[in-house]
Amino acid sequence: MQRTVILASTSRYRRELLTRLRLPFEVHAPEVDETPRAGETPQALAQRLALEKANAVATRFPDAVVIGSDQVADLAGESLGKPGDHARATAQLRRMRGQTLVFQTAVAVVCQATGFVERDLAPVRVVFRELSDAAIEQYLLAEQPYDCAGSAKSEGLGIALLEAIDSDDPSALVGLPLIRTARMLRAAGIDLL
């Protein structure tokens, strides 16, 4: 029996990425509090939220295989989330210019019916160019990446903000590490091929 696959996310970017695996899936909002805990590292935050999102939806659909994911931009150990608006995006990008960040992208796959639980982290090292205030403003007006961790959409014009990207799972920077997700789905009994 092929179980239903559910993406526990409201992110259009994760939905678009998951369609690359060419398997039918549903999307359900996880509705979890994404507030960082005191002293929580960016890696721990991303992993906790990925698992909480998967578990929140798996509770409602215990027979399904549920994928949860989260991304946190890590600037020297400080978590940078989604800016939400233009002013915060401007402030984030000003702090990030000329810096190396690690985008911590976590994925969790859960099936309550079988007791399957796996979680992994796909860090992506990103070097930002030295950016003028005018370049930042032009980018933000063009892309409006207010729903992206760290205000940078590498799959669009945001690539012009960067000097280098280093990752073993290139889709992780967009928000869902597909290599790890595919491996976890296979382990959970979902046949991709």
N, C-alpha and C. Protein backbone atom coordinates (compact mmCIF):
# COMPACT_ATOMS: atom_id res chain seq x y z
N MET A 1 0.85 -1.19 0.00
CA MET A 1 0.00 0.00 0.00
C MET A 1 0.89 1.25 0.00
N GLN A 2 0.66 2.11 -0.96
CA GLN A 2 1.40 3.38 -1.01
C GLN A 2 0.66 4.38 -0.12
N ARG A 3 1.34 4.89 0.87
CA ARG A 3 0.74 5.85 1.80
C ARG A 3 0.65 7.22 1.16
N THR A 4 -0.31 8.01 1.63
CA THR A 4 -0.43 9.40 1.20
C THR A 4 0.78 10.17 1.71
N VAL A 5 1.32 11.03 0.86
CA VAL A 5 2.42 11.90 1.26
C VAL A 5 1.85 13.29 1.47
N ILE A 6 2.22 13.91 2.59
CA ILE A 6 1.74 15.25 2.91
C ILE A 6 2.94 16.15 3.19
N LEU A 7 2.92 17.32 2.58
CA LEU A 7 3.90 18.35 2.88
C LEU A 7 3.30 19.26 3.95
N ALA A 8 3.94 19.30 5.11
CA ALA A 8 3.46 20.12 6.23
C ALA A 8 4.08 21.51 6.09
N SER A 9 3.50 22.31 5.22
CA SER A 9 4.10 23.61 4.93
C SER A 9 3.10 24.51 4.22
N THR A 10 3.27 25.81 4.43
CA THR A 10 2.51 26.78 3.65
C THR A 10 3.41 27.44 2.60
N SER A 11 4.66 27.01 2.52
CA SER A 11 5.64 27.61 1.62
C SER A 11 5.42 27.19 0.17
N ARG A 12 5.23 28.17 -0.69
CA ARG A 12 5.09 27.85 -2.12
C ARG A 12 6.40 27.33 -2.68
N TYR A 13 7.53 27.75 -2.10
CA TYR A 13 8.83 27.30 -2.57
C TYR A 13 9.02 25.81 -2.30
N ARG A 14 8.64 25.36 -1.11
CA ARG A 14 8.75 23.94 -0.78
C ARG A 14 7.78 23.11 -1.65
N ARG A 15 6.61 23.64 -1.88
CA ARG A 15 5.64 22.93 -2.72
C ARG A 15 6.20 22.75 -4.13
N GLU A 16 6.78 23.81 -4.68
CA GLU A 16 7.37 23.73 -6.03
C GLU A 16 8.53 22.73 -6.07
N LEU A 17 9.37 22.74 -5.03
CA LEU A 17 10.48 21.80 -4.99
C LEU A 17 10.00 20.36 -4.92
N LEU A 18 9.02 20.09 -4.07
CA LEU A 18 8.55 18.71 -3.90
C LEU A 18 7.93 18.16 -5.19
N THR A 19 7.36 19.03 -6.01
CA THR A 19 6.79 18.54 -7.29
C THR A 19 7.86 17.95 -8.19
N ARG A 20 9.13 18.32 -7.99
CA ARG A 20 10.22 17.76 -8.80
C ARG A 20 10.35 16.24 -8.62
N LEU A 21 9.90 15.73 -7.48
CA LEU A 21 10.00 14.29 -7.24
C LEU A 21 8.88 13.51 -7.93
N ARG A 22 7.96 14.22 -8.55
CA ARG A 22 6.89 13.61 -9.36
C ARG A 22 6.07 12.55 -8.62
N LEU A 23 5.75 12.85 -7.38
CA LEU A 23 4.85 11.97 -6.66
C LEU A 23 3.66 12.78 -6.20
N PRO A 24 2.50 12.16 -6.14
CA PRO A 24 1.33 12.92 -5.67
C PRO A 24 1.49 13.24 -4.18
N PHE A 25 1.10 14.45 -3.81
CA PHE A 25 1.15 14.81 -2.39
C PHE A 25 0.09 15.86 -2.11
N GLU A 26 -0.26 15.93 -0.84
CA GLU A 26 -1.17 16.94 -0.34
C GLU A 26 -0.37 17.96 0.44
N VAL A 27 -0.96 19.12 0.67
CA VAL A 27 -0.31 20.17 1.46
C VAL A 27 -1.26 20.56 2.58
N HIS A 28 -0.73 20.56 3.80
CA HIS A 28 -1.51 20.99 4.96
C HIS A 28 -0.65 21.89 5.83
N ALA A 29 -1.24 22.96 6.33
CA ALA A 29 -0.52 23.91 7.19
C ALA A 29 -0.24 23.27 8.54
N PRO A 30 0.99 23.37 9.03
CA PRO A 30 1.33 22.75 10.30
C PRO A 30 0.88 23.54 11.53
N GLU A 31 0.77 24.86 11.40
CA GLU A 31 0.33 25.71 12.50
C GLU A 31 1.11 25.47 13.79
N VAL A 32 2.43 25.73 13.72
CA VAL A 32 3.27 25.64 14.91
C VAL A 32 3.88 27.02 15.21
N ASP A 33 4.19 27.24 16.47
CA ASP A 33 4.83 28.47 16.90
C ASP A 33 6.30 28.40 16.50
N GLU A 34 6.77 29.35 15.68
CA GLU A 34 8.14 29.31 15.18
C GLU A 34 9.08 30.20 15.98
N THR A 35 8.67 30.62 17.16
CA THR A 35 9.51 31.48 17.99
C THR A 35 10.72 30.70 18.49
N PRO A 36 11.92 31.25 18.29
CA PRO A 36 13.12 30.58 18.83
C PRO A 36 13.08 30.53 20.35
N ARG A 37 13.66 29.47 20.91
CA ARG A 37 13.78 29.35 22.36
C ARG A 37 15.06 30.05 22.81
N ALA A 38 15.09 30.48 24.05
CA ALA A 38 16.27 31.15 24.60
C ALA A 38 17.49 30.25 24.44
N GLY A 39 18.55 30.80 23.85
CA GLY A 39 19.80 30.06 23.70
C GLY A 39 19.80 29.02 22.59
N GLU A 40 18.72 28.92 21.83
CA GLU A 40 18.62 27.89 20.79
C GLU A 40 19.48 28.29 19.58
N THR A 41 20.34 27.40 19.15
CA THR A 41 21.18 27.67 17.98
C THR A 41 20.34 27.63 16.71
N PRO A 42 20.82 28.27 15.63
CA PRO A 42 20.09 28.19 14.36
C PRO A 42 19.87 26.74 13.89
N GLN A 43 20.88 25.88 14.06
CA GLN A 43 20.75 24.48 13.66
C GLN A 43 19.65 23.79 14.46
N ALA A 44 19.68 23.99 15.78
CA ALA A 44 18.68 23.35 16.65
C ALA A 44 17.28 23.88 16.35
N LEU A 45 17.16 25.18 16.10
CA LEU A 45 15.87 25.78 15.77
C LEU A 45 15.30 25.18 14.49
N ALA A 46 16.10 25.10 13.45
CA ALA A 46 15.63 24.55 12.17
C ALA A 46 15.20 23.10 12.34
N GLN A 47 16.00 22.31 13.05
CA GLN A 47 15.66 20.89 13.22
C GLN A 47 14.41 20.71 14.08
N ARG A 48 14.31 21.49 15.16
CA ARG A 48 13.12 21.39 16.02
C ARG A 48 11.86 21.73 15.25
N LEU A 49 11.91 22.84 14.48
CA LEU A 49 10.71 23.27 13.76
C LEU A 49 10.33 22.30 12.65
N ALA A 50 11.31 21.74 11.96
CA ALA A 50 11.00 20.76 10.91
C ALA A 50 10.24 19.57 11.51
N LEU A 51 10.73 19.08 12.64
CA LEU A 51 10.08 17.94 13.29
C LEU A 51 8.72 18.32 13.87
N GLU A 52 8.62 19.50 14.48
CA GLU A 52 7.33 19.94 15.03
C GLU A 52 6.28 20.09 13.93
N LYS A 53 6.69 20.64 12.78
CA LYS A 53 5.75 20.79 11.66
C LYS A 53 5.26 19.42 11.18
N ALA A 54 6.20 18.49 11.00
CA ALA A 54 5.81 17.14 10.55
C ALA A 54 4.89 16.48 11.57
N ASN A 55 5.24 16.56 12.83
CA ASN A 55 4.42 15.93 13.88
C ASN A 55 3.04 16.56 14.00
N ALA A 56 2.97 17.89 13.84
CA ALA A 56 1.67 18.57 13.95
C ALA A 56 0.68 18.06 12.91
N VAL A 57 1.16 17.85 11.69
CA VAL A 57 0.28 17.36 10.63
C VAL A 57 0.08 15.85 10.76
N ALA A 58 1.12 15.12 11.16
CA ALA A 58 1.01 13.66 11.33
C ALA A 58 -0.02 13.30 12.39
N THR A 59 -0.20 14.14 13.38
CA THR A 59 -1.21 13.91 14.41
C THR A 59 -2.61 13.90 13.79
N ARG A 60 -2.81 14.75 12.80
CA ARG A 60 -4.12 14.82 12.12
C ARG A 60 -4.28 13.74 11.05
N PHE A 61 -3.15 13.26 10.51
CA PHE A 61 -3.17 12.25 9.44
C PHE A 61 -2.17 11.14 9.78
N PRO A 62 -2.49 10.29 10.78
CA PRO A 62 -1.52 9.32 11.29
C PRO A 62 -1.08 8.25 10.28
N ASP A 63 -1.87 7.99 9.25
CA ASP A 63 -1.50 6.97 8.25
C ASP A 63 -0.63 7.54 7.13
N ALA A 64 -0.47 8.84 7.08
CA ALA A 64 0.29 9.48 5.99
C ALA A 64 1.77 9.56 6.33
N VAL A 65 2.57 9.73 5.28
CA VAL A 65 3.98 10.06 5.44
C VAL A 65 4.07 11.57 5.29
N VAL A 66 4.52 12.24 6.35
CA VAL A 66 4.47 13.69 6.42
C VAL A 66 5.88 14.27 6.40
N ILE A 67 6.06 15.28 5.55
CA ILE A 67 7.35 15.96 5.41
C ILE A 67 7.23 17.35 6.05
N GLY A 68 8.13 17.64 6.97
CA GLY A 68 8.23 18.97 7.55
C GLY A 68 9.61 19.54 7.26
N SER A 69 9.69 20.84 7.06
CA SER A 69 10.98 21.46 6.78
C SER A 69 11.00 22.86 7.34
N ASP A 70 12.21 23.33 7.66
CA ASP A 70 12.36 24.70 8.13
C ASP A 70 13.75 25.18 7.75
N GLN A 71 13.87 26.49 7.56
CA GLN A 71 15.15 27.09 7.21
C GLN A 71 15.40 28.31 8.08
N VAL A 72 16.63 28.39 8.57
CA VAL A 72 17.06 29.52 9.38
C VAL A 72 18.38 30.02 8.81
N ALA A 73 18.47 31.30 8.57
CA ALA A 73 19.74 31.89 8.14
C ALA A 73 20.59 32.11 9.39
N ASP A 74 21.81 31.60 9.36
CA ASP A 74 22.71 31.60 10.51
C ASP A 74 23.84 32.59 10.24
N LEU A 75 23.80 33.73 10.93
CA LEU A 75 24.84 34.75 10.81
C LEU A 75 25.68 34.70 12.08
N ALA A 76 26.80 33.98 12.03
CA ALA A 76 27.70 33.85 13.18
C ALA A 76 26.97 33.38 14.44
N GLY A 77 26.08 32.42 14.27
CA GLY A 77 25.35 31.86 15.41
C GLY A 77 24.05 32.55 15.74
N GLU A 78 23.74 33.64 15.04
CA GLU A 78 22.47 34.34 15.26
C GLU A 78 21.46 33.90 14.21
N SER A 79 20.25 33.60 14.65
CA SER A 79 19.19 33.17 13.75
C SER A 79 18.53 34.37 13.08
N LEU A 80 18.50 34.34 11.75
CA LEU A 80 17.77 35.34 10.98
C LEU A 80 16.62 34.61 10.29
N GLY A 81 15.42 35.00 10.59
CA GLY A 81 14.27 34.35 9.99
C GLY A 81 13.73 35.13 8.80
N LYS A 82 12.45 34.95 8.53
CA LYS A 82 11.79 35.69 7.47
C LYS A 82 11.61 37.14 7.92
N PRO A 83 11.98 38.10 7.09
CA PRO A 83 11.90 39.48 7.55
C PRO A 83 10.47 40.00 7.70
N GLY A 84 9.57 39.56 6.82
CA GLY A 84 8.18 39.98 6.93
C GLY A 84 7.85 41.31 6.27
N ASP A 85 8.81 42.23 6.22
CA ASP A 85 8.53 43.52 5.59
C ASP A 85 9.81 44.14 5.03
N HIS A 86 9.64 45.24 4.32
CA HIS A 86 10.74 45.89 3.61
C HIS A 86 11.83 46.40 4.56
N ALA A 87 11.43 47.03 5.64
CA ALA A 87 12.41 47.61 6.56
C ALA A 87 13.30 46.53 7.19
N ARG A 88 12.69 45.43 7.61
CA ARG A 88 13.49 44.35 8.22
C ARG A 88 14.35 43.66 7.18
N ALA A 89 13.85 43.51 5.96
CA ALA A 89 14.65 42.91 4.88
C ALA A 89 15.87 43.78 4.57
N THR A 90 15.67 45.09 4.54
CA THR A 90 16.78 46.02 4.31
C THR A 90 17.83 45.87 5.41
N ALA A 91 17.39 45.82 6.64
CA ALA A 91 18.31 45.69 7.77
C ALA A 91 19.07 44.36 7.70
N GLN A 92 18.37 43.27 7.35
CA GLN A 92 19.04 41.97 7.24
C GLN A 92 20.12 42.01 6.17
N LEU A 93 19.77 42.48 5.00
CA LEU A 93 20.74 42.48 3.89
C LEU A 93 21.92 43.41 4.17
N ARG A 94 21.71 44.50 4.86
CA ARG A 94 22.83 45.37 5.24
C ARG A 94 23.80 44.64 6.17
N ARG A 95 23.26 43.86 7.09
CA ARG A 95 24.10 43.10 8.02
C ARG A 95 24.82 41.96 7.30
N MET A 96 24.23 41.43 6.24
CA MET A 96 24.77 40.25 5.57
C MET A 96 25.80 40.59 4.48
N ARG A 97 25.84 41.84 4.04
CA ARG A 97 26.76 42.18 2.95
C ARG A 97 28.21 41.91 3.36
N GLY A 98 28.92 41.24 2.45
CA GLY A 98 30.31 40.89 2.69
C GLY A 98 30.52 39.76 3.70
N GLN A 99 29.44 39.17 4.19
CA GLN A 99 29.52 38.12 5.21
C GLN A 99 29.30 36.73 4.61
N THR A 100 29.74 35.74 5.37
CA THR A 100 29.43 34.36 5.04
C THR A 100 28.37 33.88 6.02
N LEU A 101 27.28 33.37 5.49
CA LEU A 101 26.19 32.84 6.30
C LEU A 101 26.05 31.35 6.02
N VAL A 102 25.41 30.67 6.93
CA VAL A 102 25.04 29.28 6.69
C VAL A 102 23.52 29.23 6.77
N PHE A 103 22.90 28.83 5.68
CA PHE A 103 21.45 28.62 5.69
C PHE A 103 21.23 27.19 6.19
N GLN A 104 20.65 27.09 7.39
CA GLN A 104 20.40 25.80 8.02
C GLN A 104 19.02 25.33 7.59
N THR A 105 18.98 24.33 6.71
CA THR A 105 17.71 23.81 6.22
C THR A 105 17.53 22.40 6.74
N ALA A 106 16.49 22.22 7.54
CA ALA A 106 16.21 20.92 8.15
C ALA A 106 14.99 20.30 7.49
N VAL A 107 14.98 18.98 7.45
CA VAL A 107 13.82 18.24 6.95
C VAL A 107 13.55 17.08 7.90
N ALA A 108 12.27 16.81 8.11
CA ALA A 108 11.85 15.67 8.92
C ALA A 108 10.76 14.92 8.17
N VAL A 109 10.79 13.61 8.26
CA VAL A 109 9.74 12.76 7.67
C VAL A 109 9.21 11.87 8.79
N VAL A 110 7.88 11.87 8.92
CA VAL A 110 7.21 11.17 10.01
C VAL A 110 6.03 10.38 9.48
N CYS A 111 5.86 9.16 9.97
CA CYS A 111 4.63 8.39 9.75
C CYS A 111 4.25 7.77 11.09
N GLN A 112 3.20 8.28 11.70
CA GLN A 112 2.81 7.80 13.02
C GLN A 112 2.38 6.34 12.99
N ALA A 113 1.71 5.92 11.92
CA ALA A 113 1.19 4.55 11.85
C ALA A 113 2.31 3.51 11.91
N THR A 114 3.46 3.84 11.32
CA THR A 114 4.57 2.88 11.31
C THR A 114 5.65 3.21 12.33
N GLY A 115 5.54 4.37 12.99
CA GLY A 115 6.55 4.80 13.94
C GLY A 115 7.80 5.36 13.28
N PHE A 116 7.71 5.66 11.99
CA PHE A 116 8.88 6.17 11.26
C PHE A 116 9.11 7.64 11.60
N VAL A 117 10.33 7.96 12.00
CA VAL A 117 10.73 9.34 12.27
C VAL A 117 12.19 9.50 11.86
N GLU A 118 12.45 10.41 10.94
CA GLU A 118 13.82 10.76 10.58
C GLU A 118 13.89 12.27 10.43
N ARG A 119 15.07 12.79 10.78
CA ARG A 119 15.30 14.22 10.68
C ARG A 119 16.75 14.43 10.26
N ASP A 120 16.99 15.44 9.42
CA ASP A 120 18.35 15.71 8.97
C ASP A 120 18.49 17.21 8.72
N LEU A 121 19.74 17.64 8.66
CA LEU A 121 20.05 19.04 8.44
C LEU A 121 20.95 19.16 7.22
N ALA A 122 20.61 20.10 6.34
CA ALA A 122 21.41 20.35 5.13
C ALA A 122 21.92 21.78 5.18
N PRO A 123 23.10 22.00 5.75
CA PRO A 123 23.65 23.36 5.80
C PRO A 123 24.16 23.81 4.44
N VAL A 124 23.92 25.06 4.11
CA VAL A 124 24.39 25.64 2.85
C VAL A 124 25.19 26.90 3.19
N ARG A 125 26.46 26.90 2.85
CA ARG A 125 27.33 28.05 3.11
C ARG A 125 27.19 29.03 1.95
N VAL A 126 26.89 30.29 2.28
CA VAL A 126 26.64 31.31 1.27
C VAL A 126 27.49 32.53 1.58
N VAL A 127 28.24 33.00 0.58
CA VAL A 127 29.04 34.20 0.72
C VAL A 127 28.33 35.34 -0.01
N PHE A 128 28.01 36.39 0.74
CA PHE A 128 27.33 37.55 0.16
C PHE A 128 28.36 38.56 -0.35
N ARG A 129 28.03 39.20 -1.46
CA ARG A 129 28.86 40.27 -2.01
C ARG A 129 28.78 41.50 -1.10
N GLU A 130 29.72 42.40 -1.28
CA GLU A 130 29.59 43.73 -0.66
C GLU A 130 28.49 44.44 -1.46
N LEU A 131 27.44 44.83 -0.82
CA LEU A 131 26.29 45.40 -1.52
C LEU A 131 26.08 46.85 -1.11
N SER A 132 25.84 47.70 -2.08
CA SER A 132 25.51 49.09 -1.76
C SER A 132 24.06 49.16 -1.29
N ASP A 133 23.72 50.22 -0.59
CA ASP A 133 22.33 50.43 -0.18
C ASP A 133 21.41 50.50 -1.39
N ALA A 134 21.89 51.11 -2.48
CA ALA A 134 21.09 51.21 -3.70
C ALA A 134 20.82 49.83 -4.30
N ALA A 135 21.83 48.96 -4.29
CA ALA A 135 21.66 47.60 -4.82
C ALA A 135 20.66 46.81 -3.97
N ILE A 136 20.76 46.96 -2.67
CA ILE A 136 19.82 46.28 -1.76
C ILE A 136 18.39 46.75 -2.04
N GLU A 137 18.22 48.06 -2.17
CA GLU A 137 16.89 48.61 -2.42
C GLU A 137 16.33 48.13 -3.75
N GLN A 138 17.17 48.15 -4.79
CA GLN A 138 16.73 47.69 -6.11
C GLN A 138 16.31 46.23 -6.06
N TYR A 139 17.11 45.40 -5.39
CA TYR A 139 16.79 43.98 -5.25
C TYR A 139 15.47 43.78 -4.52
N LEU A 140 15.30 44.45 -3.39
CA LEU A 140 14.08 44.27 -2.60
C LEU A 140 12.84 44.72 -3.35
N LEU A 141 12.94 45.80 -4.09
CA LEU A 141 11.78 46.26 -4.87
C LEU A 141 11.45 45.27 -5.99
N ALA A 142 12.45 44.65 -6.56
CA ALA A 142 12.23 43.69 -7.66
C ALA A 142 11.69 42.36 -7.16
N GLU A 143 12.25 41.83 -6.07
CA GLU A 143 11.92 40.47 -5.61
C GLU A 143 10.92 40.40 -4.47
N GLN A 144 10.93 41.41 -3.58
CA GLN A 144 10.09 41.41 -2.39
C GLN A 144 10.16 40.06 -1.65
N PRO A 145 11.37 39.66 -1.21
CA PRO A 145 11.58 38.35 -0.59
C PRO A 145 11.27 38.33 0.91
N TYR A 146 10.17 38.92 1.28
CA TYR A 146 9.86 39.11 2.69
C TYR A 146 9.45 37.81 3.39
N ASP A 147 9.19 36.76 2.60
CA ASP A 147 8.82 35.47 3.17
C ASP A 147 9.97 34.46 3.08
N CYS A 148 11.20 34.96 2.89
CA CYS A 148 12.38 34.11 2.74
C CYS A 148 13.34 34.36 3.89
N ALA A 149 13.82 33.30 4.52
CA ALA A 149 14.82 33.44 5.58
C ALA A 149 16.02 34.19 5.04
N GLY A 150 16.42 35.24 5.74
CA GLY A 150 17.58 36.00 5.31
C GLY A 150 17.34 36.92 4.13
N SER A 151 16.10 37.06 3.69
CA SER A 151 15.72 38.02 2.63
C SER A 151 16.35 37.76 1.27
N ALA A 152 16.83 36.55 1.03
CA ALA A 152 17.53 36.29 -0.24
C ALA A 152 16.89 35.11 -0.97
N LYS A 153 16.42 35.36 -2.19
CA LYS A 153 15.84 34.30 -3.03
C LYS A 153 16.87 33.92 -4.09
N SER A 154 17.66 32.91 -3.82
CA SER A 154 18.73 32.52 -4.74
C SER A 154 18.20 31.98 -6.06
N GLU A 155 16.97 31.52 -6.08
CA GLU A 155 16.40 30.98 -7.32
C GLU A 155 15.93 32.08 -8.25
N GLY A 156 16.03 33.31 -7.81
CA GLY A 156 15.66 34.46 -8.64
C GLY A 156 16.80 35.45 -8.70
N LEU A 157 16.48 36.73 -8.67
CA LEU A 157 17.46 37.79 -8.76
C LEU A 157 18.43 37.78 -7.57
N GLY A 158 18.04 37.15 -6.47
CA GLY A 158 18.89 37.06 -5.29
C GLY A 158 20.24 36.44 -5.57
N ILE A 159 20.35 35.67 -6.63
CA ILE A 159 21.64 35.07 -6.99
C ILE A 159 22.68 36.16 -7.25
N ALA A 160 22.24 37.35 -7.66
CA ALA A 160 23.16 38.47 -7.93
C ALA A 160 23.72 39.07 -6.64
N LEU A 161 23.17 38.69 -5.49
CA LEU A 161 23.68 39.17 -4.21
C LEU A 161 24.89 38.37 -3.75
N LEU A 162 25.13 37.23 -4.38
CA LEU A 162 26.05 36.24 -3.84
C LEU A 162 27.36 36.14 -4.60
N GLU A 163 28.41 35.79 -3.85
CA GLU A 163 29.72 35.47 -4.42
C GLU A 163 29.87 33.97 -4.62
N ALA A 164 29.34 33.17 -3.67
CA ALA A 164 29.53 31.72 -3.73
C ALA A 164 28.47 31.00 -2.92
N ILE A 165 28.19 29.76 -3.34
CA ILE A 165 27.29 28.86 -2.62
C ILE A 165 28.00 27.52 -2.51
N ASP A 166 28.01 26.94 -1.31
CA ASP A 166 28.64 25.64 -1.11
C ASP A 166 27.65 24.72 -0.39
N SER A 167 27.26 23.63 -1.09
CA SER A 167 26.26 22.72 -0.53
C SER A 167 26.37 21.35 -1.18
N ASP A 168 26.02 20.32 -0.43
CA ASP A 168 25.94 18.99 -1.02
C ASP A 168 24.50 18.64 -1.41
N ASP A 169 23.58 19.58 -1.22
CA ASP A 169 22.17 19.37 -1.57
C ASP A 169 21.62 20.71 -2.07
N PRO A 170 21.83 21.04 -3.37
CA PRO A 170 21.56 22.38 -3.88
C PRO A 170 20.14 22.90 -3.65
N SER A 171 19.16 22.04 -3.61
CA SER A 171 17.78 22.49 -3.39
C SER A 171 17.56 22.97 -1.96
N ALA A 172 18.48 22.66 -1.06
CA ALA A 172 18.34 23.07 0.34
C ALA A 172 18.27 24.58 0.49
N LEU A 173 19.00 25.31 -0.33
CA LEU A 173 19.01 26.77 -0.21
C LEU A 173 17.64 27.36 -0.53
N VAL A 174 16.89 26.71 -1.39
CA VAL A 174 15.55 27.20 -1.74
C VAL A 174 14.54 26.84 -0.65
N GLY A 175 14.84 25.82 0.16
CA GLY A 175 13.95 25.55 1.29
C GLY A 175 13.59 24.11 1.58
N LEU A 176 13.98 23.17 0.70
CA LEU A 176 13.69 21.75 0.96
C LEU A 176 14.82 20.93 0.36
N PRO A 177 15.65 20.29 1.18
CA PRO A 177 16.76 19.50 0.65
C PRO A 177 16.25 18.20 0.02
N LEU A 178 16.13 18.21 -1.30
CA LEU A 178 15.49 17.09 -2.00
C LEU A 178 16.29 15.80 -1.95
N ILE A 179 17.61 15.86 -1.91
CA ILE A 179 18.40 14.62 -1.82
C ILE A 179 18.07 13.92 -0.51
N ARG A 180 18.08 14.66 0.58
CA ARG A 180 17.76 14.07 1.88
C ARG A 180 16.29 13.66 1.95
N THR A 181 15.41 14.48 1.41
CA THR A 181 13.98 14.16 1.42
C THR A 181 13.71 12.87 0.67
N ALA A 182 14.31 12.71 -0.52
CA ALA A 182 14.12 11.49 -1.31
C ALA A 182 14.62 10.27 -0.55
N ARG A 183 15.78 10.40 0.10
CA ARG A 183 16.32 9.28 0.88
C ARG A 183 15.37 8.90 2.01
N MET A 184 14.85 9.90 2.72
CA MET A 184 13.94 9.63 3.83
C MET A 184 12.63 9.01 3.34
N LEU A 185 12.12 9.51 2.22
CA LEU A 185 10.88 8.94 1.68
C LEU A 185 11.07 7.47 1.31
N ARG A 186 12.21 7.14 0.70
CA ARG A 186 12.50 5.73 0.38
C ARG A 186 12.53 4.90 1.65
N ALA A 187 13.19 5.42 2.70
CA ALA A 187 13.27 4.70 3.97
C ALA A 187 11.89 4.54 4.61
N ALA A 188 10.98 5.46 4.34
CA ALA A 188 9.62 5.41 4.88
C ALA A 188 8.69 4.55 4.03
N GLY A 189 9.23 4.00 2.92
CA GLY A 189 8.43 3.09 2.09
C GLY A 189 7.77 3.74 0.88
N ILE A 190 8.16 4.96 0.55
CA ILE A 190 7.59 5.65 -0.61
C ILE A 190 8.53 5.41 -1.80
N ASP A 191 8.06 4.72 -2.80
CA ASP A 191 8.86 4.38 -3.96
C ASP A 191 8.80 5.53 -4.97
N LEU A 192 9.93 6.22 -5.15
CA LEU A 192 9.97 7.37 -6.04
C LEU A 192 10.15 6.98 -7.50
N LEU A 193 10.75 5.83 -7.73
CA LEU A 193 10.97 5.39 -9.12
C LEU A 193 10.15 4.17 -9.38
